[in-house]
Amino acid sequence: MRAMKAEIETFTIDTRPFLGASGTVTRLDCTAISSISAVLDLVYGQIQAFVPAHTSGKHWFLRDANTGRVFDTGTPYAQANNLERDHRTLRMMGLKAGDALEVLPIVYVR
């Protein structure tokens, strides 16, 4: 009798909308990520050549690729809630297996 292999529940983060052709799609295990802060750190590691640290919500943001929902995350969320960091779980953020997130730049128009 063969043992059934458990399917890993994942979501993706696509940096191509921010980085263009040099961007990538990263698949992450939902159970291996402890907080949204960890997700933001991972994204920042991929775009750090283009933005200062702690600028999620100021220079870039996460959007659900399927629904267009923009996630209120990172420094702005933490500051508005008197927190040091955004330590909410993925579930608290409304993220779930199968979700596809995009990293987008914030463009200011004069």
C-alpha atoms as a PDB file:
ATOM      1  CA  MET A   1       0.000   0.000   0.000  1.00  0.00           C
ATOM      2  CA  ARG A   2       1.416   3.410  -1.001  1.00  0.00           C
ATOM      3  CA  ALA A   3       1.283   6.302   1.403  1.00  0.00           C
ATOM      4  CA  MET A   4      -0.508   9.367   0.122  1.00  0.00           C
ATOM      5  CA  LYS A   5       1.777  12.360  -0.048  1.00  0.00           C
ATOM      6  CA  ALA A   6       0.230  15.454   1.518  1.00  0.00           C
ATOM      7  CA  GLU A   7      -0.147  18.327  -0.899  1.00  0.00           C
ATOM      8  CA  ILE A   8       1.697  21.446   0.201  1.00  0.00           C
ATOM      9  CA  GLU A   9      -0.563  24.481   0.394  1.00  0.00           C
ATOM     10  CA  THR A  10       1.132  27.393  -1.352  1.00  0.00           C
ATOM     11  CA  PHE A  11       0.579  30.921  -2.573  1.00  0.00           C
ATOM     12  CA  THR A  12       2.655  32.922  -5.048  1.00  0.00           C
ATOM     13  CA  ILE A  13       4.297  36.333  -5.085  1.00  0.00           C
ATOM     14  CA  ASP A  14       5.048  37.877  -8.474  1.00  0.00           C
ATOM     15  CA  THR A  15       7.654  40.676  -8.553  1.00  0.00           C
ATOM     16  CA  ARG A  16       7.448  41.105 -12.351  1.00  0.00           C
ATOM     17  CA  PRO A  17       4.948  44.013 -12.153  1.00  0.00           C
ATOM     18  CA  PHE A  18       7.585  45.864 -10.099  1.00  0.00           C
ATOM     19  CA  LEU A  19      10.840  44.598 -11.633  1.00  0.00           C
ATOM     20  CA  GLY A  20       9.777  43.876 -15.205  1.00  0.00           C
ATOM     21  CA  ALA A  21      11.623  41.068 -17.000  1.00  0.00           C
ATOM     22  CA  SER A  22      14.042  40.584 -14.090  1.00  0.00           C
ATOM     23  CA  GLY A  23      11.174  39.815 -11.692  1.00  0.00           C
ATOM     24  CA  THR A  24      10.189  36.316 -10.629  1.00  0.00           C
ATOM     25  CA  VAL A  25       7.241  34.328  -9.361  1.00  0.00           C
ATOM     26  CA  THR A  26       8.000  32.747  -5.996  1.00  0.00           C
ATOM     27  CA  ARG A  27       5.868  29.931  -4.585  1.00  0.00           C
ATOM     28  CA  LEU A  28       5.652  29.914  -0.776  1.00  0.00           C
ATOM     29  CA  ASP A  29       4.415  27.251   1.628  1.00  0.00           C
ATOM     30  CA  CYS A  30       1.541  28.703   3.694  1.00  0.00           C
ATOM     31  CA  THR A  31       2.550  26.676   6.741  1.00  0.00           C
ATOM     32  CA  ALA A  32       6.210  27.747   6.607  1.00  0.00           C
ATOM     33  CA  ILE A  33       5.483  31.499   6.732  1.00  0.00           C
ATOM     34  CA  SER A  34       4.792  32.705  10.271  1.00  0.00           C
ATOM     35  CA  SER A  35       3.605  36.256   9.587  1.00  0.00           C
ATOM     36  CA  ILE A  36       2.965  38.889   6.957  1.00  0.00           C
ATOM     37  CA  SER A  37       6.162  40.524   8.201  1.00  0.00           C
ATOM     38  CA  ALA A  38       8.083  37.478   6.959  1.00  0.00           C
ATOM     39  CA  VAL A  39       6.411  37.825   3.546  1.00  0.00           C
ATOM     40  CA  LEU A  40       7.310  41.512   3.371  1.00  0.00           C
ATOM     41  CA  ASP A  41      10.925  40.729   4.315  1.00  0.00           C
ATOM     42  CA  LEU A  42      11.102  38.147   1.522  1.00  0.00           C
ATOM     43  CA  VAL A  43       9.689  40.604  -1.030  1.00  0.00           C
ATOM     44  CA  TYR A  44      12.017  43.353   0.151  1.00  0.00           C
ATOM     45  CA  GLY A  45      14.961  40.989  -0.334  1.00  0.00           C
ATOM     46  CA  GLN A  46      13.980  40.752  -4.005  1.00  0.00           C
ATOM     47  CA  ILE A  47      13.448  44.494  -4.617  1.00  0.00           C
ATOM     48  CA  GLN A  48      15.895  46.102  -2.174  1.00  0.00           C
ATOM     49  CA  ALA A  49      18.073  47.530  -4.952  1.00  0.00           C
ATOM     50  CA  PHE A  50      15.153  49.790  -5.887  1.00  0.00           C
ATOM     51  CA  VAL A  51      13.521  50.857  -2.600  1.00  0.00           C
ATOM     52  CA  PRO A  52      14.604  51.853   0.915  1.00  0.00           C
ATOM     53  CA  ALA A  53      13.945  49.476   3.829  1.00  0.00           C
ATOM     54  CA  HIS A  54      10.548  49.533   5.573  1.00  0.00           C
ATOM     55  CA  THR A  55       8.720  51.128   2.644  1.00  0.00           C
ATOM     56  CA  SER A  56       5.897  48.664   2.037  1.00  0.00           C
ATOM     57  CA  GLY A  57       2.834  50.852   1.619  1.00  0.00           C
ATOM     58  CA  LYS A  58       4.997  53.864   0.775  1.00  0.00           C
ATOM     59  CA  HIS A  59       7.048  52.794  -2.276  1.00  0.00           C
ATOM     60  CA  TRP A  60       5.464  49.422  -3.067  1.00  0.00           C
ATOM     61  CA  PHE A  61       2.448  47.297  -2.152  1.00  0.00           C
ATOM     62  CA  LEU A  62       0.930  43.842  -2.464  1.00  0.00           C
ATOM     63  CA  ARG A  63      -2.197  43.216  -4.520  1.00  0.00           C
ATOM     64  CA  ASP A  64      -4.228  40.068  -5.063  1.00  0.00           C
ATOM     65  CA  ALA A  65      -3.720  39.304  -8.766  1.00  0.00           C
ATOM     66  CA  ASN A  66      -7.159  37.697  -9.087  1.00  0.00           C
ATOM     67  CA  THR A  67      -9.382  40.164  -7.227  1.00  0.00           C
ATOM     68  CA  GLY A  68      -7.368  43.399  -7.303  1.00  0.00           C
ATOM     69  CA  ARG A  69      -7.589  43.655  -3.506  1.00  0.00           C
ATOM     70  CA  VAL A  70      -4.784  45.806  -2.096  1.00  0.00           C
ATOM     71  CA  PHE A  71      -3.371  44.547   1.201  1.00  0.00           C
ATOM     72  CA  ASP A  72      -2.898  47.032   4.047  1.00  0.00           C
ATOM     73  CA  THR A  73       0.439  45.785   5.347  1.00  0.00           C
ATOM     74  CA  GLY A  74       3.794  46.675   6.758  1.00  0.00           C
ATOM     75  CA  THR A  75       4.993  49.918   8.258  1.00  0.00           C
ATOM     76  CA  PRO A  76       1.820  51.984   7.615  1.00  0.00           C
ATOM     77  CA  TYR A  77      -0.369  49.284   9.205  1.00  0.00           C
ATOM     78  CA  ALA A  78       1.999  48.847  12.152  1.00  0.00           C
ATOM     79  CA  GLN A  79       2.247  52.607  12.793  1.00  0.00           C
ATOM     80  CA  ALA A  80      -1.520  53.089  12.559  1.00  0.00           C
ATOM     81  CA  ASN A  81      -1.975  50.325  15.132  1.00  0.00           C
ATOM     82  CA  ASN A  82       0.906  51.316  17.462  1.00  0.00           C
ATOM     83  CA  LEU A  83       2.888  48.193  16.628  1.00  0.00           C
ATOM     84  CA  GLU A  84       6.601  47.754  16.036  1.00  0.00           C
ATOM     85  CA  ARG A  85       6.019  45.438  13.054  1.00  0.00           C
ATOM     86  CA  ASP A  86       3.133  43.849  11.190  1.00  0.00           C
ATOM     87  CA  HIS A  87       3.158  40.396  12.825  1.00  0.00           C
ATOM     88  CA  ARG A  88      -0.311  39.310  11.699  1.00  0.00           C
ATOM     89  CA  THR A  89      -0.645  35.765  10.436  1.00  0.00           C
ATOM     90  CA  LEU A  90      -1.457  35.054   6.792  1.00  0.00           C
ATOM     91  CA  ARG A  91      -4.929  33.979   7.880  1.00  0.00           C
ATOM     92  CA  MET A  92      -5.475  37.287   9.702  1.00  0.00           C
ATOM     93  CA  MET A  93      -4.517  39.052   6.460  1.00  0.00           C
ATOM     94  CA  GLY A  94      -6.984  36.963   4.505  1.00  0.00           C
ATOM     95  CA  LEU A  95      -4.267  35.118   2.561  1.00  0.00           C
ATOM     96  CA  LYS A  96      -4.850  31.471   1.753  1.00  0.00           C
ATOM     97  CA  ALA A  97      -3.521  28.620  -0.320  1.00  0.00           C
ATOM     98  CA  GLY A  98      -3.835  29.282  -4.030  1.00  0.00           C
ATOM     99  CA  ASP A  99      -3.682  33.066  -3.749  1.00  0.00           C
ATOM    100  CA  ALA A 100      -1.506  34.952  -6.228  1.00  0.00           C
ATOM    101  CA  LEU A 101       0.026  38.228  -5.056  1.00  0.00           C
ATOM    102  CA  GLU A 102       1.680  40.887  -7.168  1.00  0.00           C
ATOM    103  CA  VAL A 103       4.271  43.408  -6.018  1.00  0.00           C
ATOM    104  CA  LEU A 104       3.543  46.819  -7.517  1.00  0.00           C
ATOM    105  CA  PRO A 105       5.273  50.199  -7.252  1.00  0.00           C
ATOM    106  CA  ILE A 106       3.473  53.180  -5.824  1.00  0.00           C
ATOM    107  CA  VAL A 107       3.628  55.963  -8.388  1.00  0.00           C
ATOM    108  CA  TYR A 108       3.123  59.517  -7.221  1.00  0.00           C
ATOM    109  CA  VAL A 109       1.682  61.974  -9.741  1.00  0.00           C
ATOM    110  CA  ARG A 110       2.285  65.703  -9.419  1.00  0.00           C
END
